[in-house]
């Protein structure tokens, strides 16, 4: 799993039928403190994440292991919304409630 931040959404009215019903998110890689870094990617949303949230996502064949993405043509999937990241005994990230 990788850490990312949802920075936007993607709307595609014409798409392969296997992608019907999937919410597509723009995700940028993130550090444990929530700062973004790295490339932007499109990920299928399996958990109802929203813009601005820190998430865990999977890539490659692992992206097709959730109930929503099983056997679908996706390379990335958001599979968790992060509440807290603690590292070396210090809280590095905490979700605004």
PDB file of N, CA and C in Angstrom:
ATOM      1  N   UNK A   1       0.837  -1.184   0.000  1.00  0.00           N
ATOM      2  CA  UNK A   1       0.000   0.000   0.000  1.00  0.00           C
ATOM      3  C   UNK A   1       0.878   1.242   0.000  1.00  0.00           C
ATOM      4  N   UNK A   2       0.323   2.296  -0.556  1.00  0.00           N
ATOM      5  CA  UNK A   2       1.015   3.564  -0.674  1.00  0.00           C
ATOM      6  C   UNK A   2       0.150   4.664  -0.076  1.00  0.00           C
ATOM      7  N   UNK A   3       0.793   5.767   0.358  1.00  0.00           N
ATOM      8  CA  UNK A   3       0.056   6.903   0.908  1.00  0.00           C
ATOM      9  C   UNK A   3      -0.122   7.939  -0.191  1.00  0.00           C
ATOM     10  N   UNK A   4      -1.329   8.478  -0.299  1.00  0.00           N
ATOM     11  CA  UNK A   4      -1.600   9.520  -1.281  1.00  0.00           C
ATOM     12  C   UNK A   4      -2.622  10.503  -0.751  1.00  0.00           C
ATOM     13  N   UNK A   5      -2.767  11.598  -1.477  1.00  0.00           N
ATOM     14  CA  UNK A   5      -3.770  12.596  -1.121  1.00  0.00           C
ATOM     15  C   UNK A   5      -4.681  12.789  -2.320  1.00  0.00           C
ATOM     16  N   UNK A   6      -5.991  12.781  -2.066  1.00  0.00           N
ATOM     17  CA  UNK A   6      -6.961  12.980  -3.137  1.00  0.00           C
ATOM     18  C   UNK A   6      -6.969  14.473  -3.473  1.00  0.00           C
ATOM     19  N   UNK A   7      -6.647  14.786  -4.752  1.00  0.00           N
ATOM     20  CA  UNK A   7      -6.562  16.185  -5.165  1.00  0.00           C
ATOM     21  C   UNK A   7      -7.651  16.561  -6.179  1.00  0.00           C
ATOM     22  N   UNK A   8      -8.464  15.599  -6.577  1.00  0.00           N
ATOM     23  CA  UNK A   8      -9.527  15.906  -7.526  1.00  0.00           C
ATOM     24  C   UNK A   8     -10.286  14.668  -7.946  1.00  0.00           C
ATOM     25  N   UNK A   9     -11.200  14.861  -8.885  1.00  0.00           N
ATOM     26  CA  UNK A   9     -12.003  13.757  -9.408  1.00  0.00           C
ATOM     27  C   UNK A   9     -11.894  13.734 -10.928  1.00  0.00           C
ATOM     28  N   UNK A  10     -12.268  12.613 -11.508  1.00  0.00           N
ATOM     29  CA  UNK A  10     -12.287  12.464 -12.960  1.00  0.00           C
ATOM     30  C   UNK A  10     -13.686  12.019 -13.357  1.00  0.00           C
ATOM     31  N   UNK A  11     -14.259  12.695 -14.342  1.00  0.00           N
ATOM     32  CA  UNK A  11     -15.556  12.304 -14.893  1.00  0.00           C
ATOM     33  C   UNK A  11     -15.327  11.868 -16.331  1.00  0.00           C
ATOM     34  N   UNK A  12     -15.770  10.664 -16.641  1.00  0.00           N
ATOM     35  CA  UNK A  12     -15.651  10.138 -18.004  1.00  0.00           C
ATOM     36  C   UNK A  12     -17.010   9.559 -18.393  1.00  0.00           C
ATOM     37  N   UNK A  13     -17.749  10.258 -19.237  1.00  0.00           N
ATOM     38  CA  UNK A  13     -19.083   9.793 -19.592  1.00  0.00           C
ATOM     39  C   UNK A  13     -19.036   8.619 -20.562  1.00  0.00           C
ATOM     40  N   UNK A  14     -18.003   8.563 -21.397  1.00  0.00           N
ATOM     41  CA  UNK A  14     -17.827   7.417 -22.295  1.00  0.00           C
ATOM     42  C   UNK A  14     -16.663   6.603 -21.781  1.00  0.00           C
ATOM     43  N   UNK A  15     -16.935   5.350 -21.444  1.00  0.00           N
ATOM     44  CA  UNK A  15     -15.895   4.477 -20.902  1.00  0.00           C
ATOM     45  C   UNK A  15     -16.261   3.029 -21.130  1.00  0.00           C
ATOM     46  N   UNK A  16     -15.301   2.162 -20.931  1.00  0.00           N
ATOM     47  CA  UNK A  16     -15.543   0.728 -21.035  1.00  0.00           C
ATOM     48  C   UNK A  16     -16.623   0.338 -20.024  1.00  0.00           C
ATOM     49  N   UNK A  17     -17.538  -0.548 -20.403  1.00  0.00           N
ATOM     50  CA  UNK A  17     -18.601  -0.969 -19.476  1.00  0.00           C
ATOM     51  C   UNK A  17     -18.075  -1.517 -18.143  1.00  0.00           C
ATOM     52  N   UNK A  18     -16.873  -2.065 -18.128  1.00  0.00           N
ATOM     53  CA  UNK A  18     -16.302  -2.594 -16.876  1.00  0.00           C
ATOM     54  C   UNK A  18     -15.999  -1.494 -15.863  1.00  0.00           C
ATOM     55  N   UNK A  19     -15.936  -0.257 -16.325  1.00  0.00           N
ATOM     56  CA  UNK A  19     -15.661   0.863 -15.425  1.00  0.00           C
ATOM     57  C   UNK A  19     -16.935   1.554 -14.944  1.00  0.00           C
ATOM     58  N   UNK A  20     -18.082   1.151 -15.471  1.00  0.00           N
ATOM     59  CA  UNK A  20     -19.356   1.743 -15.053  1.00  0.00           C
ATOM     60  C   UNK A  20     -19.530   1.596 -13.542  1.00  0.00           C
ATOM     61  N   UNK A  21     -19.978   2.666 -12.907  1.00  0.00           N
ATOM     62  CA  UNK A  21     -20.261   2.631 -11.475  1.00  0.00           C
ATOM     63  C   UNK A  21     -19.072   2.912 -10.583  1.00  0.00           C
ATOM     64  N   UNK A  22     -17.874   3.037 -11.146  1.00  0.00           N
ATOM     65  CA  UNK A  22     -16.700   3.339 -10.334  1.00  0.00           C
ATOM     66  C   UNK A  22     -16.482   4.847 -10.264  1.00  0.00           C
ATOM     67  N   UNK A  23     -16.271   5.361  -9.068  1.00  0.00           N
ATOM     68  CA  UNK A  23     -15.891   6.756  -8.883  1.00  0.00           C
ATOM     69  C   UNK A  23     -14.385   6.834  -9.099  1.00  0.00           C
ATOM     70  N   UNK A  24     -13.942   7.789  -9.908  1.00  0.00           N
ATOM     71  CA  UNK A  24     -12.525   7.923 -10.225  1.00  0.00           C
ATOM     72  C   UNK A  24     -11.957   9.166  -9.548  1.00  0.00           C
ATOM     73  N   UNK A  25     -10.822   8.994  -8.882  1.00  0.00           N
ATOM     74  CA  UNK A  25     -10.190  10.066  -8.129  1.00  0.00           C
ATOM     75  C   UNK A  25      -8.801  10.368  -8.669  1.00  0.00           C
ATOM     76  N   UNK A  26      -8.392  11.641  -8.596  1.00  0.00           N
ATOM     77  CA  UNK A  26      -7.011  12.023  -8.866  1.00  0.00           C
ATOM     78  C   UNK A  26      -6.266  11.960  -7.541  1.00  0.00           C
ATOM     79  N   UNK A  27      -5.184  11.194  -7.511  1.00  0.00           N
ATOM     80  CA  UNK A  27      -4.411  10.994  -6.289  1.00  0.00           C
ATOM     81  C   UNK A  27      -2.957  11.363  -6.563  1.00  0.00           C
ATOM     82  N   UNK A  28      -2.370  12.091  -5.631  1.00  0.00           N
ATOM     83  CA  UNK A  28      -0.954  12.434  -5.718  1.00  0.00           C
ATOM     84  C   UNK A  28      -0.263  11.784  -4.527  1.00  0.00           C
ATOM     85  N   UNK A  29       0.904  11.180  -4.749  1.00  0.00           N
ATOM     86  CA  UNK A  29       1.650  10.556  -3.668  1.00  0.00           C
ATOM     87  C   UNK A  29       1.849  11.524  -2.514  1.00  0.00           C
ATOM     88  N   UNK A  30       1.971  10.996  -1.300  1.00  0.00           N
ATOM     89  CA  UNK A  30       2.109  11.858  -0.119  1.00  0.00           C
ATOM     90  C   UNK A  30       3.114  11.260   0.862  1.00  0.00           C
ATOM     91  N   UNK A  31       3.677  12.152   1.667  1.00  0.00           N
ATOM     92  CA  UNK A  31       4.576  11.789   2.760  1.00  0.00           C
ATOM     93  C   UNK A  31       3.735  11.486   3.999  1.00  0.00           C
ATOM     94  N   UNK A  32       4.323  10.853   5.026  1.00  0.00           N
ATOM     95  CA  UNK A  32       3.554  10.543   6.234  1.00  0.00           C
ATOM     96  C   UNK A  32       2.960  11.767   6.934  1.00  0.00           C
ATOM     97  N   UNK A  33       3.495  12.966   6.677  1.00  0.00           N
ATOM     98  CA  UNK A  33       2.934  14.163   7.301  1.00  0.00           C
ATOM     99  C   UNK A  33       1.846  14.808   6.447  1.00  0.00           C
ATOM    100  N   UNK A  34       1.536  14.204   5.294  1.00  0.00           N
ATOM    101  CA  UNK A  34       0.468  14.701   4.439  1.00  0.00           C
ATOM    102  C   UNK A  34       0.927  15.576   3.286  1.00  0.00           C
ATOM    103  N   UNK A  35       2.217  15.975   3.283  1.00  0.00           N
ATOM    104  CA  UNK A  35       2.718  16.769   2.154  1.00  0.00           C
ATOM    105  C   UNK A  35       2.735  15.915   0.907  1.00  0.00           C
ATOM    106  N   UNK A  36       2.300  16.485  -0.215  1.00  0.00           N
ATOM    107  CA  UNK A  36       2.249  15.717  -1.458  1.00  0.00           C
ATOM    108  C   UNK A  36       3.591  15.725  -2.167  1.00  0.00           C
ATOM    109  N   UNK A  37       3.832  14.648  -2.918  1.00  0.00           N
ATOM    110  CA  UNK A  37       5.046  14.510  -3.718  1.00  0.00           C
ATOM    111  C   UNK A  37       4.796  13.448  -4.769  1.00  0.00           C
ATOM    112  N   UNK A  38       5.463  13.566  -5.874  1.00  0.00           N
ATOM    113  CA  UNK A  38       5.347  12.527  -6.892  1.00  0.00           C
ATOM    114  C   UNK A  38       4.276  12.803  -7.921  1.00  0.00           C
ATOM    115  N   UNK A  39       4.078  11.822  -8.794  1.00  0.00           N
ATOM    116  CA  UNK A  39       3.145  11.992  -9.914  1.00  0.00           C
ATOM    117  C   UNK A  39       1.677  11.917  -9.481  1.00  0.00           C
ATOM    118  N   UNK A  40       0.819  12.403 -10.355  1.00  0.00           N
ATOM    119  CA  UNK A  40      -0.630  12.315 -10.158  1.00  0.00           C
ATOM    120  C   UNK A  40      -1.128  11.086 -10.903  1.00  0.00           C
ATOM    121  N   UNK A  41      -2.033  10.340 -10.288  1.00  0.00           N
ATOM    122  CA  UNK A  41      -2.584   9.150 -10.924  1.00  0.00           C
ATOM    123  C   UNK A  41      -4.089   9.118 -10.753  1.00  0.00           C
ATOM    124  N   UNK A  42      -4.739   8.284 -11.531  1.00  0.00           N
ATOM    125  CA  UNK A  42      -6.185   8.082 -11.423  1.00  0.00           C
ATOM    126  C   UNK A  42      -6.410   6.758 -10.704  1.00  0.00           C
ATOM    127  N   UNK A  43      -7.256   6.783  -9.678  1.00  0.00           N
ATOM    128  CA  UNK A  43      -7.547   5.578  -8.907  1.00  0.00           C
ATOM    129  C   UNK A  43      -9.048   5.393  -8.768  1.00  0.00           C
ATOM    130  N   UNK A  44      -9.478   4.158  -8.829  1.00  0.00           N
ATOM    131  CA  UNK A  44     -10.869   3.829  -8.531  1.00  0.00           C
ATOM    132  C   UNK A  44     -11.064   3.949  -7.025  1.00  0.00           C
ATOM    133  N   UNK A  45     -12.204   4.447  -6.600  1.00  0.00           N
ATOM    134  CA  UNK A  45     -12.489   4.645  -5.181  1.00  0.00           C
ATOM    135  C   UNK A  45     -13.322   3.488  -4.651  1.00  0.00           C
ATOM    136  N   UNK A  46     -12.782   2.768  -3.664  1.00  0.00           N
ATOM    137  CA  UNK A  46     -13.517   1.644  -3.076  1.00  0.00           C
ATOM    138  C   UNK A  46     -14.080   1.972  -1.698  1.00  0.00           C
ATOM    139  N   UNK A  47     -13.825   3.207  -1.190  1.00  0.00           N
ATOM    140  CA  UNK A  47     -14.210   3.512   0.183  1.00  0.00           C
ATOM    141  C   UNK A  47     -14.949   4.831   0.384  1.00  0.00           C
ATOM    142  N   UNK A  48     -15.233   5.572  -0.662  1.00  0.00           N
ATOM    143  CA  UNK A  48     -15.948   6.837  -0.516  1.00  0.00           C
ATOM    144  C   UNK A  48     -15.072   7.996  -0.092  1.00  0.00           C
ATOM    145  N   UNK A  49     -13.828   8.018  -0.546  1.00  0.00           N
ATOM    146  CA  UNK A  49     -12.900   9.095  -0.208  1.00  0.00           C
ATOM    147  C   UNK A  49     -13.291  10.378  -0.929  1.00  0.00           C
ATOM    148  N   UNK A  50     -12.845  11.506  -0.369  1.00  0.00           N
ATOM    149  CA  UNK A  50     -13.145  12.793  -0.977  1.00  0.00           C
ATOM    150  C   UNK A  50     -11.901  13.633  -1.160  1.00  0.00           C
ATOM    151  N   UNK A  51     -12.050  14.712  -1.894  1.00  0.00           N
ATOM    152  CA  UNK A  51     -10.939  15.622  -2.165  1.00  0.00           C
ATOM    153  C   UNK A  51     -10.384  16.153  -0.843  1.00  0.00           C
ATOM    154  N   UNK A  52      -9.060  16.154  -0.736  1.00  0.00           N
ATOM    155  CA  UNK A  52      -8.373  16.641   0.450  1.00  0.00           C
ATOM    156  C   UNK A  52      -8.026  15.569   1.460  1.00  0.00           C
ATOM    157  N   UNK A  53      -8.565  14.368   1.309  1.00  0.00           N
ATOM    158  CA  UNK A  53      -8.297  13.320   2.286  1.00  0.00           C
ATOM    159  C   UNK A  53      -7.003  12.573   1.970  1.00  0.00           C
ATOM    160  N   UNK A  54      -6.302  12.173   3.038  1.00  0.00           N
ATOM    161  CA  UNK A  54      -5.138  11.312   2.908  1.00  0.00           C
ATOM    162  C   UNK A  54      -5.654   9.881   2.856  1.00  0.00           C
ATOM    163  N   UNK A  55      -5.136   9.101   1.918  1.00  0.00           N
ATOM    164  CA  UNK A  55      -5.661   7.755   1.687  1.00  0.00           C
ATOM    165  C   UNK A  55      -4.530   6.749   1.524  1.00  0.00           C
ATOM    166  N   UNK A  56      -4.889   5.482   1.620  1.00  0.00           N
ATOM    167  CA  UNK A  56      -3.997   4.395   1.247  1.00  0.00           C
ATOM    168  C   UNK A  56      -4.509   3.857  -0.080  1.00  0.00           C
ATOM    169  N   UNK A  57      -3.575   3.636  -1.009  1.00  0.00           N
ATOM    170  CA  UNK A  57      -3.979   3.081  -2.298  1.00  0.00           C
ATOM    171  C   UNK A  57      -3.037   1.964  -2.695  1.00  0.00           C
ATOM    172  N   UNK A  58      -3.533   1.103  -3.551  1.00  0.00           N
ATOM    173  CA  UNK A  58      -2.750  -0.013  -4.057  1.00  0.00           C
ATOM    174  C   UNK A  58      -2.601   0.140  -5.564  1.00  0.00           C
ATOM    175  N   UNK A  59      -1.534  -0.447  -6.089  1.00  0.00           N
ATOM    176  CA  UNK A  59      -1.248  -0.341  -7.517  1.00  0.00           C
ATOM    177  C   UNK A  59      -1.055  -1.731  -8.122  1.00  0.00           C
ATOM    178  N   UNK A  60      -1.201  -1.807  -9.435  1.00  0.00           N
ATOM    179  CA  UNK A  60      -0.973  -3.061 -10.149  1.00  0.00           C
ATOM    180  C   UNK A  60      -2.061  -4.083  -9.883  1.00  0.00           C
ATOM    181  N   UNK A  61      -1.689  -5.349  -9.883  1.00  0.00           N
ATOM    182  CA  UNK A  61      -2.683  -6.411  -9.718  1.00  0.00           C
ATOM    183  C   UNK A  61      -3.383  -6.339  -8.361  1.00  0.00           C
ATOM    184  N   UNK A  62      -2.737  -5.756  -7.358  1.00  0.00           N
ATOM    185  CA  UNK A  62      -3.382  -5.586  -6.048  1.00  0.00           C
ATOM    186  C   UNK A  62      -4.596  -4.676  -6.129  1.00  0.00           C
ATOM    187  N   UNK A  63      -4.629  -3.795  -7.115  1.00  0.00           N
ATOM    188  CA  UNK A  63      -5.756  -2.874  -7.269  1.00  0.00           C
ATOM    189  C   UNK A  63      -7.037  -3.593  -7.659  1.00  0.00           C
ATOM    190  N   UNK A  64      -6.921  -4.816  -8.109  1.00  0.00           N
ATOM    191  CA  UNK A  64      -8.100  -5.580  -8.526  1.00  0.00           C
ATOM    192  C   UNK A  64      -8.546  -6.580  -7.453  1.00  0.00           C
ATOM    193  N   UNK A  65      -8.171  -6.315  -6.194  1.00  0.00           N
ATOM    194  CA  UNK A  65      -8.504  -7.230  -5.109  1.00  0.00           C
ATOM    195  C   UNK A  65      -9.646  -6.756  -4.219  1.00  0.00           C
ATOM    196  N   UNK A  66     -10.189  -5.551  -4.451  1.00  0.00           N
ATOM    197  CA  UNK A  66     -11.314  -5.097  -3.639  1.00  0.00           C
ATOM    198  C   UNK A  66     -12.620  -5.613  -4.253  1.00  0.00           C
ATOM    199  N   UNK A  67     -13.669  -5.578  -3.479  1.00  0.00           N
ATOM    200  CA  UNK A  67     -14.976  -6.026  -3.973  1.00  0.00           C
ATOM    201  C   UNK A  67     -15.392  -5.200  -5.195  1.00  0.00           C
ATOM    202  N   UNK A  68     -15.174  -3.875  -5.129  1.00  0.00           N
ATOM    203  CA  UNK A  68     -15.609  -2.987  -6.211  1.00  0.00           C
ATOM    204  C   UNK A  68     -14.766  -3.144  -7.481  1.00  0.00           C
ATOM    205  N   UNK A  69     -13.507  -3.543  -7.353  1.00  0.00           N
ATOM    206  CA  UNK A  69     -12.618  -3.569  -8.526  1.00  0.00           C
ATOM    207  C   UNK A  69     -12.265  -4.974  -9.001  1.00  0.00           C
ATOM    208  N   UNK A  70     -12.825  -5.988  -8.384  1.00  0.00           N
ATOM    209  CA  UNK A  70     -12.487  -7.369  -8.752  1.00  0.00           C
ATOM    210  C   UNK A  70     -12.682  -7.591 -10.247  1.00  0.00           C
ATOM    211  N   UNK A  71     -11.612  -8.056 -10.887  1.00  0.00           N
ATOM    212  CA  UNK A  71     -11.617  -8.394 -12.319  1.00  0.00           C
ATOM    213  C   UNK A  71     -11.957  -7.212 -13.226  1.00  0.00           C
ATOM    214  N   UNK A  72     -11.727  -5.993 -12.740  1.00  0.00           N
ATOM    215  CA  UNK A  72     -11.958  -4.804 -13.567  1.00  0.00           C
ATOM    216  C   UNK A  72     -10.611  -4.241 -14.022  1.00  0.00           C
ATOM    217  N   UNK A  73     -10.592  -3.516 -15.142  1.00  0.00           N
ATOM    218  CA  UNK A  73      -9.328  -3.019 -15.689  1.00  0.00           C
ATOM    219  C   UNK A  73      -8.840  -1.741 -14.993  1.00  0.00           C
ATOM    220  N   UNK A  74      -8.400  -1.870 -13.730  1.00  0.00           N
ATOM    221  CA  UNK A  74      -7.876  -0.718 -12.997  1.00  0.00           C
ATOM    222  C   UNK A  74      -6.450  -1.005 -12.544  1.00  0.00           C
ATOM    223  N   UNK A  75      -5.643   0.039 -12.515  1.00  0.00           N
ATOM    224  CA  UNK A  75      -4.253  -0.086 -12.060  1.00  0.00           C
ATOM    225  C   UNK A  75      -4.041   0.466 -10.656  1.00  0.00           C
ATOM    226  N   UNK A  76      -4.984   1.304 -10.168  1.00  0.00           N
ATOM    227  CA  UNK A  76      -4.876   1.894  -8.836  1.00  0.00           C
ATOM    228  C   UNK A  76      -6.252   1.916  -8.184  1.00  0.00           C
ATOM    229  N   UNK A  77      -6.271   1.671  -6.855  1.00  0.00           N
ATOM    230  CA  UNK A  77      -7.527   1.723  -6.116  1.00  0.00           C
ATOM    231  C   UNK A  77      -7.280   2.342  -4.747  1.00  0.00           C
ATOM    232  N   UNK A  78      -8.164   3.266  -4.350  1.00  0.00           N
ATOM    233  CA  UNK A  78      -8.133   3.812  -2.996  1.00  0.00           C
ATOM    234  C   UNK A  78      -8.869   2.812  -2.126  1.00  0.00           C
ATOM    235  N   UNK A  79      -8.171   2.313  -1.089  1.00  0.00           N
ATOM    236  CA  UNK A  79      -8.750   1.250  -0.263  1.00  0.00           C
ATOM    237  C   UNK A  79      -8.886   1.600   1.212  1.00  0.00           C
ATOM    238  N   UNK A  80      -8.449   2.795   1.604  1.00  0.00           N
ATOM    239  CA  UNK A  80      -8.600   3.220   3.001  1.00  0.00           C
ATOM    240  C   UNK A  80      -8.450   4.735   3.089  1.00  0.00           C
ATOM    241  N   UNK A  81      -9.152   5.323   4.066  1.00  0.00           N
ATOM    242  CA  UNK A  81      -9.013   6.736   4.383  1.00  0.00           C
ATOM    243  C   UNK A  81      -8.237   6.808   5.692  1.00  0.00           C
ATOM    244  N   UNK A  82      -7.137   7.556   5.694  1.00  0.00           N
ATOM    245  CA  UNK A  82      -6.242   7.615   6.852  1.00  0.00           C
ATOM    246  C   UNK A  82      -6.801   8.559   7.912  1.00  0.00           C
ATOM    247  N   UNK A  83      -6.808   8.087   9.163  1.00  0.00           N
ATOM    248  CA  UNK A  83      -7.197   8.922  10.295  1.00  0.00           C
ATOM    249  C   UNK A  83      -5.958   9.499  10.983  1.00  0.00           C
ATOM    250  N   UNK A  84      -4.965   8.641  11.246  1.00  0.00           N
ATOM    251  CA  UNK A  84      -3.768   9.051  11.969  1.00  0.00           C
ATOM    252  C   UNK A  84      -2.562   8.285  11.449  1.00  0.00           C
ATOM    253  N   UNK A  85      -1.427   8.962  11.385  1.00  0.00           N
ATOM    254  CA  UNK A  85      -0.147   8.290  11.120  1.00  0.00           C
ATOM    255  C   UNK A  85       0.783   8.643  12.266  1.00  0.00           C
ATOM    256  N   UNK A  86       1.273   7.621  12.951  1.00  0.00           N
ATOM    257  CA  UNK A  86       2.243   7.797  14.027  1.00  0.00           C
ATOM    258  C   UNK A  86       3.542   7.153  13.579  1.00  0.00           C
ATOM    259  N   UNK A  87       4.644   7.875  13.747  1.00  0.00           N
ATOM    260  CA  UNK A  87       5.939   7.368  13.310  1.00  0.00           C
ATOM    261  C   UNK A  87       6.986   7.768  14.355  1.00  0.00           C
ATOM    262  N   UNK A  88       7.775   6.819  14.796  1.00  0.00           N
ATOM    263  CA  UNK A  88       8.807   7.064  15.815  1.00  0.00           C
ATOM    264  C   UNK A  88       8.213   7.700  17.070  1.00  0.00           C
ATOM    265  N   UNK A  89       7.032   7.258  17.452  1.00  0.00           N
ATOM    266  CA  UNK A  89       6.403   7.747  18.672  1.00  0.00           C
ATOM    267  C   UNK A  89       5.756   9.119  18.568  1.00  0.00           C
ATOM    268  N   UNK A  90       5.746   9.709  17.351  1.00  0.00           N
ATOM    269  CA  UNK A  90       5.146  11.024  17.167  1.00  0.00           C
ATOM    270  C   UNK A  90       4.033  10.948  16.136  1.00  0.00           C
ATOM    271  N   UNK A  91       2.954  11.669  16.401  1.00  0.00           N
ATOM    272  CA  UNK A  91       1.875  11.740  15.421  1.00  0.00           C
ATOM    273  C   UNK A  91       2.341  12.660  14.303  1.00  0.00           C
ATOM    274  N   UNK A  92       2.409  12.122  13.088  1.00  0.00           N
ATOM    275  CA  UNK A  92       2.866  12.895  11.932  1.00  0.00           C
ATOM    276  C   UNK A  92       1.689  13.469  11.145  1.00  0.00           C
ATOM    277  N   UNK A  93       0.546  12.778  11.242  1.00  0.00           N
ATOM    278  CA  UNK A  93      -0.646  13.238  10.530  1.00  0.00           C
ATOM    279  C   UNK A  93      -1.864  12.858  11.352  1.00  0.00           C
ATOM    280  N   UNK A  94      -2.815  13.774  11.430  1.00  0.00           N
ATOM    281  CA  UNK A  94      -4.106  13.484  12.055  1.00  0.00           C
ATOM    282  C   UNK A  94      -5.181  14.163  11.238  1.00  0.00           C
ATOM    283  N   UNK A  95      -6.176  13.389  10.859  1.00  0.00           N
ATOM    284  CA  UNK A  95      -7.282  13.899  10.039  1.00  0.00           C
ATOM    285  C   UNK A  95      -8.077  14.932  10.804  1.00  0.00           C
ATOM    286  N   UNK A  96      -8.418  16.025  10.120  1.00  0.00           N
ATOM    287  CA  UNK A  96      -9.329  17.011  10.718  1.00  0.00           C
ATOM    288  C   UNK A  96     -10.689  16.371  10.876  1.00  0.00           C
ATOM    289  N   UNK A  97     -11.293  16.545  11.991  1.00  0.00           N
ATOM    290  CA  UNK A  97     -12.599  15.920  12.233  1.00  0.00           C
ATOM    291  C   UNK A  97     -13.704  16.898  12.129  1.00  0.00           C
TER     292      UNK A  97
END
